[in-house]
Amino acid sequence: MTTEQTTTERRAVQADGVSGGEDDSSLTRAGWHPGRDAGDAAMIAVLKTAGMGPWPLFPAAERAVREFHGLRPEPAAHGGREVAATGCVVDPQEARYSGPPLHRLADRLGTRLFPLGRTDADAPMAVDEEGRLFSLGAGGAWLHGETVRDGLLALTEGLRPVRLRGRAWQWPLRAAPADLAAGVRAALVAVYVLHTHGAFDARTLRLRATSLRGIGVTVLDQDFPLRPGSLEANAPALVEAMEAELSALAQAPASCELLLTVPAPPRTAAPLAGIDCAVTLGGPNGFALTLAAGPGASIGRPATTLEACVTAFDAWAATL
């Protein structure tokens, strides 16, 4: 059984057809029209903003600023369809001093962001390389739309945004005996699932052993490389190598709390690089598999990848 410790709202932002159609949308009333180009005013705002971050300009950001710069769409008169509607101002200079939090969000998403403006609730807005609209408010980071137009309409119509938040799952494992060999086999299943569903191709298992005696000292924290060949064939050699390292430290696997992690290889791109997958043995969680990911993996392709891994782990754990 899977335990999801935090959840992500998955409602897709659908802004087409709100407020009675495009001819009566908040953007149209604010002065937007298909093919709009704010021209020199937009590019002057870009130049004034770019040096403050620094904020490198990319094509999706330039298109967004050109099309929407200078607009001040107001919240819909009905107050909001799902959440409170809010207006905003589209001007990169309004968010140019929000560098640290926006750069942290960009790192979590594995993309670049460019300031786009600020909501009436004083939340900075930014566009990413895919043209998606984000904001940063008191509740964290939010995705408003897969396009800037959809995102601005969602804000002003009060459509529920998607909150970017970390998620975690845990599967109790009922294999017997629950020893180091069983833990290695479970970790290799995780390697296979993460590879099959496009998360990353792990090259090592990492073993951290904490003594159960006294205050609990970490006695071993070491990577063990996967060898060429099948994952099944790797298991005996990995168990032997781990037992040898513990024996050299006068430790037995049964006398330690063991954590077997499946680290992402170097140069894995965010947010998939932040996936944390591990098998625990002998600790408070007993024999269990855990999976966790940061806020960046709660939307788009990374979210799809993560959910496919969860489904696979659900199916595997049910067979034990």
Protein backbone atom coordinates (compact mmCIF):
# COMPACT_ATOMS: atom_id res chain seq x y z
CA MET A 1 0.00 0.00 0.00
CA THR A 2 1.28 3.47 -0.87
CA THR A 3 1.21 6.30 1.63
CA GLU A 4 1.40 9.72 -0.06
CA GLN A 5 2.43 12.15 2.65
CA THR A 6 1.72 15.30 0.67
CA THR A 7 -0.52 15.87 -2.32
CA THR A 8 -0.49 18.06 -5.40
CA GLU A 9 -3.55 19.68 -6.83
CA ARG A 10 -3.73 18.45 -10.40
CA ARG A 11 -6.49 20.59 -11.80
CA ALA A 12 -5.49 21.72 -15.28
CA VAL A 13 -5.83 25.41 -15.95
CA GLN A 14 -8.38 25.86 -18.70
CA ALA A 15 -8.81 29.50 -19.54
CA ASP A 16 -10.45 29.33 -22.97
CA GLY A 17 -14.01 30.47 -23.09
CA VAL A 18 -14.12 32.18 -19.70
CA SER A 19 -15.94 35.49 -19.27
CA GLY A 20 -18.15 34.76 -22.22
CA GLY A 21 -15.42 34.17 -24.82
CA GLU A 22 -12.27 35.87 -26.03
CA ASP A 23 -14.08 39.06 -27.11
CA ASP A 24 -15.15 39.65 -23.53
CA SER A 25 -12.13 38.35 -21.64
CA SER A 26 -10.25 40.31 -19.01
CA LEU A 27 -7.26 40.46 -21.34
CA THR A 28 -9.31 41.93 -24.17
CA ARG A 29 -10.76 44.54 -21.86
CA ALA A 30 -7.21 45.38 -20.74
CA GLY A 31 -6.15 46.01 -24.34
CA TRP A 32 -4.83 42.65 -25.53
CA HIS A 33 -5.59 41.33 -29.01
CA PRO A 34 -4.12 38.52 -31.13
CA GLY A 35 -0.80 39.60 -32.60
CA ARG A 36 -0.27 42.41 -30.07
CA ASP A 37 3.32 43.69 -29.84
CA ALA A 38 4.28 46.27 -27.24
CA GLY A 39 7.40 47.03 -29.29
CA ASP A 40 10.02 49.40 -27.89
CA ALA A 41 8.31 49.75 -24.51
CA ALA A 42 8.55 46.01 -23.99
CA MET A 43 12.20 45.81 -24.97
CA ILE A 44 13.15 48.80 -22.81
CA ALA A 45 11.54 47.02 -19.84
CA VAL A 46 13.51 43.88 -20.72
CA LEU A 47 16.80 45.78 -20.83
CA LYS A 48 16.11 47.50 -17.51
CA THR A 49 15.25 44.16 -15.93
CA ALA A 50 17.89 41.88 -17.45
CA GLY A 51 20.83 43.40 -15.60
CA MET A 52 19.19 43.22 -12.17
CA GLY A 53 19.09 39.39 -11.81
CA PRO A 54 21.01 38.78 -13.88
CA TRP A 55 18.10 37.64 -16.01
CA PRO A 56 19.10 36.03 -19.32
CA LEU A 57 16.43 36.57 -21.97
CA PHE A 58 15.15 33.51 -23.84
CA PRO A 59 12.63 33.27 -26.71
CA ALA A 60 9.53 32.39 -24.66
CA ALA A 61 10.21 35.31 -22.31
CA GLU A 62 10.71 37.78 -25.16
CA ARG A 63 7.48 36.65 -26.84
CA ALA A 64 5.56 36.97 -23.57
CA VAL A 65 6.87 40.44 -22.77
CA ARG A 66 6.24 41.69 -26.30
CA GLU A 67 2.68 40.38 -26.33
CA PHE A 68 1.52 41.31 -22.82
CA HIS A 69 3.77 44.13 -21.54
CA GLY A 70 1.85 47.08 -20.13
CA LEU A 71 -1.44 45.27 -19.61
CA ARG A 72 -3.27 45.62 -16.30
CA PRO A 73 -6.03 43.00 -16.44
CA GLU A 74 -8.55 43.37 -13.61
CA PRO A 75 -10.26 40.62 -11.64
CA ALA A 76 -13.59 39.41 -12.99
CA ALA A 77 -16.72 41.02 -11.56
CA HIS A 78 -18.04 37.67 -10.31
CA GLY A 79 -15.12 37.47 -7.85
CA GLY A 80 -13.70 34.12 -8.89
CA ARG A 81 -14.93 30.79 -10.24
CA GLU A 82 -12.85 28.48 -7.99
CA VAL A 83 -10.65 30.81 -5.93
CA ALA A 84 -10.53 34.56 -5.49
CA ALA A 85 -9.87 36.36 -8.74
CA THR A 86 -6.98 38.80 -8.77
CA GLY A 87 -5.66 41.38 -11.17
CA CYS A 88 -2.05 41.95 -12.12
CA VAL A 89 0.35 44.21 -13.95
CA VAL A 90 2.50 42.79 -16.74
CA ASP A 91 5.83 44.58 -16.51
CA PRO A 92 9.12 42.73 -15.85
CA GLN A 93 10.37 45.63 -13.77
CA GLU A 94 7.70 44.88 -11.16
CA ALA A 95 9.43 41.57 -10.32
CA ARG A 96 13.05 42.35 -11.11
CA TYR A 97 14.08 42.50 -7.43
CA SER A 98 12.63 39.02 -6.72
CA GLY A 99 15.82 37.36 -7.91
CA PRO A 100 16.72 34.97 -5.05
CA PRO A 101 13.32 33.24 -4.71
CA LEU A 102 12.74 33.09 -8.46
CA HIS A 103 16.23 31.68 -9.06
CA ARG A 104 15.59 29.03 -6.39
CA LEU A 105 12.33 28.13 -8.11
CA ALA A 106 14.12 27.92 -11.47
CA ASP A 107 16.67 25.52 -9.98
CA ARG A 108 13.88 23.29 -8.65
CA LEU A 109 12.14 23.29 -12.02
CA GLY A 110 15.33 22.68 -13.99
CA THR A 111 14.61 25.61 -16.28
CA ARG A 112 15.19 29.35 -16.58
CA LEU A 113 12.71 31.98 -15.45
CA PHE A 114 12.25 35.60 -16.49
CA PRO A 115 10.27 38.16 -14.45
CA LEU A 116 6.95 39.08 -16.03
CA GLY A 117 5.10 41.21 -13.50
CA ARG A 118 3.27 41.18 -10.21
CA THR A 119 -0.22 40.24 -9.07
CA ASP A 120 -2.46 42.55 -7.07
CA ALA A 121 -1.63 40.29 -4.11
CA ASP A 122 2.01 41.37 -4.50
CA ALA A 123 3.17 37.98 -5.81
CA PRO A 124 5.93 38.18 -8.44
CA MET A 125 5.13 36.46 -11.74
CA ALA A 126 7.60 34.79 -14.08
CA VAL A 127 7.60 32.87 -17.35
CA ASP A 128 9.78 29.81 -18.01
CA GLU A 129 11.40 28.47 -21.17
CA GLU A 130 8.26 26.49 -22.03
CA GLY A 131 6.12 29.62 -21.83
CA ARG A 132 4.37 28.63 -18.57
CA LEU A 133 3.25 31.28 -16.08
CA PHE A 134 4.28 30.96 -12.42
CA SER A 135 3.91 33.10 -9.33
CA LEU A 136 5.44 33.10 -5.86
CA GLY A 137 3.11 33.93 -2.99
CA ALA A 138 2.74 33.34 0.72
CA GLY A 139 1.60 29.78 0.03
CA GLY A 140 4.64 28.94 -2.08
CA ALA A 141 5.06 28.55 -5.83
CA TRP A 142 2.10 28.19 -8.19
CA LEU A 143 1.58 27.27 -11.83
CA HIS A 144 -1.24 29.35 -13.34
CA GLY A 145 -1.18 28.20 -16.94
CA GLU A 146 0.68 26.27 -19.61
CA THR A 147 0.80 29.55 -21.55
CA VAL A 148 1.03 33.13 -20.32
CA ARG A 149 -2.35 33.94 -21.83
CA ASP A 150 -4.03 31.04 -20.06
CA GLY A 151 -2.27 31.93 -16.83
CA LEU A 152 -3.34 35.57 -16.89
CA LEU A 153 -6.92 34.57 -17.63
CA ALA A 154 -6.81 32.01 -14.82
CA LEU A 155 -5.66 34.70 -12.38
CA THR A 156 -8.33 37.19 -13.34
CA GLU A 157 -11.11 34.60 -13.54
CA GLY A 158 -10.17 32.87 -10.28
CA LEU A 159 -9.33 29.45 -11.69
CA ARG A 160 -7.49 27.24 -9.22
CA PRO A 161 -3.70 27.16 -9.83
CA VAL A 162 -1.50 24.11 -9.33
CA ARG A 163 0.62 24.30 -6.22
CA LEU A 164 4.23 23.18 -6.57
CA ARG A 165 5.00 21.03 -3.55
CA GLY A 166 7.12 18.10 -2.61
CA ARG A 167 5.59 14.63 -2.35
CA ALA A 168 6.64 11.42 -0.64
CA TRP A 169 5.49 7.80 -0.56
CA GLN A 170 6.33 4.76 1.52
CA TRP A 171 5.75 1.06 0.86
CA PRO A 172 6.17 -1.46 3.71
CA LEU A 173 7.98 -4.53 2.33
CA ARG A 174 6.92 -7.91 3.63
CA ALA A 175 9.71 -10.07 2.25
CA ALA A 176 11.29 -12.55 4.67
CA PRO A 177 13.94 -12.56 5.86
CA ALA A 178 14.31 -8.76 5.98
CA ASP A 179 18.09 -8.83 5.71
CA LEU A 180 20.76 -7.01 3.71
CA ALA A 181 20.29 -9.33 0.71
CA ALA A 182 16.56 -8.56 0.62
CA GLY A 183 17.33 -4.85 0.90
CA VAL A 184 19.75 -4.98 -2.02
CA ARG A 185 17.21 -6.82 -4.16
CA ALA A 186 14.57 -4.20 -3.33
CA ALA A 187 16.99 -1.38 -4.18
CA LEU A 188 17.74 -3.03 -7.52
CA VAL A 189 14.00 -3.16 -8.24
CA ALA A 190 14.00 0.60 -7.63
CA VAL A 191 16.92 1.00 -10.06
CA TYR A 192 14.90 -0.88 -12.70
CA VAL A 193 11.70 1.14 -12.13
CA LEU A 194 13.48 4.50 -12.21
CA HIS A 195 15.26 3.52 -15.43
CA THR A 196 12.20 2.03 -17.14
CA HIS A 197 10.05 5.10 -16.54
CA GLY A 198 12.68 7.63 -17.56
CA ALA A 199 13.70 9.13 -14.23
CA PHE A 200 17.42 8.34 -14.42
CA ASP A 201 19.88 5.48 -14.91
CA ALA A 202 21.46 4.81 -11.53
CA ARG A 203 25.08 3.65 -11.56
CA THR A 204 25.57 2.96 -7.87
CA LEU A 205 23.84 1.98 -4.66
CA ARG A 206 24.79 3.90 -1.56
CA LEU A 207 24.84 2.15 1.80
CA ARG A 208 24.69 4.07 5.05
CA ALA A 209 24.93 1.97 8.19
CA THR A 210 24.19 3.41 11.62
CA SER A 211 25.04 1.42 14.72
CA LEU A 212 22.05 0.49 16.86
CA ARG A 213 24.21 0.64 19.96
CA GLY A 214 24.62 3.73 22.10
CA ILE A 215 23.76 7.05 20.46
CA GLY A 216 23.71 5.59 16.95
CA VAL A 217 26.91 6.46 15.09
CA THR A 218 27.16 6.26 11.31
CA VAL A 219 29.81 3.60 10.75
CA LEU A 220 29.66 3.35 6.96
CA ASP A 221 28.52 5.71 4.20
CA GLN A 222 29.78 4.44 0.86
CA ASP A 223 28.84 4.04 -2.81
CA PHE A 224 28.91 0.59 -4.40
CA PRO A 225 29.02 0.64 -8.22
CA LEU A 226 26.70 -1.44 -10.34
CA ARG A 227 28.58 -3.79 -12.63
CA PRO A 228 27.82 -4.51 -16.30
CA GLY A 229 25.20 -7.21 -16.73
CA SER A 230 21.75 -7.85 -15.37
CA LEU A 231 20.57 -6.27 -12.13
CA GLU A 232 19.77 -9.72 -10.78
CA ALA A 233 23.35 -10.81 -11.36
CA ASN A 234 24.59 -7.73 -9.51
CA ALA A 235 22.85 -8.64 -6.26
CA PRO A 236 25.24 -11.30 -4.84
CA ALA A 237 28.37 -9.25 -5.56
CA LEU A 238 26.85 -6.12 -4.00
CA VAL A 239 25.80 -7.99 -0.86
CA GLU A 240 29.26 -9.56 -0.57
CA ALA A 241 31.02 -6.21 -0.97
CA MET A 242 28.78 -4.49 1.58
CA GLU A 243 29.15 -7.28 4.12
CA ALA A 244 32.92 -7.17 3.68
CA GLU A 245 33.03 -3.42 4.39
CA LEU A 246 30.87 -3.84 7.50
CA SER A 247 32.94 -6.80 8.69
CA ALA A 248 36.13 -4.74 8.37
CA LEU A 249 34.51 -2.28 10.78
CA ALA A 250 33.55 -5.10 13.17
CA GLN A 251 29.89 -4.53 12.37
CA ALA A 252 27.20 -7.02 11.39
CA PRO A 253 24.28 -5.95 9.15
CA ALA A 254 21.80 -7.09 11.81
CA SER A 255 23.37 -4.76 14.38
CA CYS A 256 22.88 -1.65 12.22
CA GLU A 257 20.13 0.52 10.81
CA LEU A 258 20.70 0.30 7.06
CA LEU A 259 19.73 2.82 4.40
CA LEU A 260 20.22 1.81 0.76
CA THR A 261 19.71 4.79 -1.55
CA VAL A 262 19.53 4.93 -5.34
CA PRO A 263 21.35 8.17 -6.19
CA ALA A 264 20.91 9.99 -9.47
CA PRO A 265 24.12 9.99 -11.53
CA PRO A 266 26.11 13.20 -11.97
CA ARG A 267 24.70 15.72 -14.45
CA THR A 268 21.14 14.43 -14.10
CA ALA A 269 18.95 17.46 -14.77
CA ALA A 270 16.62 18.94 -12.20
CA PRO A 271 13.99 18.27 -11.08
CA LEU A 272 14.50 14.52 -11.65
CA ALA A 273 17.93 14.77 -10.02
CA GLY A 274 16.11 15.55 -6.79
CA ILE A 275 14.23 12.25 -6.67
CA ASP A 276 15.12 10.46 -3.44
CA CYS A 277 14.54 6.70 -3.51
CA ALA A 278 15.71 4.43 -0.69
CA VAL A 279 15.23 1.14 1.12
CA THR A 280 15.35 1.09 4.92
CA LEU A 281 16.19 -1.85 7.18
CA GLY A 282 16.28 -2.03 10.95
CA GLY A 283 15.12 1.52 11.61
CA PRO A 284 11.83 2.97 12.87
CA ASN A 285 10.19 2.37 9.46
CA GLY A 286 11.23 -1.28 9.42
CA PHE A 287 11.77 -2.83 6.00
CA ALA A 288 10.36 -0.26 3.60
CA LEU A 289 10.82 1.48 0.27
CA THR A 290 10.51 5.26 0.19
CA LEU A 291 10.21 7.67 -2.73
CA ALA A 292 10.25 11.45 -2.50
CA ALA A 293 10.62 14.38 -4.90
CA GLY A 294 10.73 18.15 -4.60
CA PRO A 295 8.26 20.76 -5.84
CA GLY A 296 9.69 20.84 -9.36
CA ALA A 297 8.55 17.26 -9.99
CA SER A 298 4.90 18.09 -9.26
CA ILE A 299 4.10 19.37 -12.77
CA GLY A 300 4.75 18.50 -16.40
CA ARG A 301 6.79 15.53 -17.64
CA PRO A 302 8.63 15.04 -14.32
CA ALA A 303 5.27 14.61 -12.56
CA THR A 304 4.18 12.07 -15.18
CA THR A 305 7.46 10.18 -14.72
CA LEU A 306 7.12 10.19 -10.94
CA GLU A 307 3.53 8.97 -11.04
CA ALA A 308 4.50 6.14 -13.40
CA CYS A 309 7.16 5.07 -10.88
CA VAL A 310 4.60 5.18 -8.06
CA THR A 311 2.22 2.97 -10.05
CA ALA A 312 5.03 0.48 -10.70
CA PHE A 313 6.04 0.40 -7.03
CA ASP A 314 2.39 -0.09 -6.04
CA ALA A 315 2.14 -3.11 -8.33
CA TRP A 316 5.45 -4.60 -7.16
CA ALA A 317 4.79 -4.12 -3.43
CA ALA A 318 1.40 -5.82 -3.83
CA THR A 319 3.15 -9.01 -4.97
CA LEU A 320 5.25 -9.39 -1.81
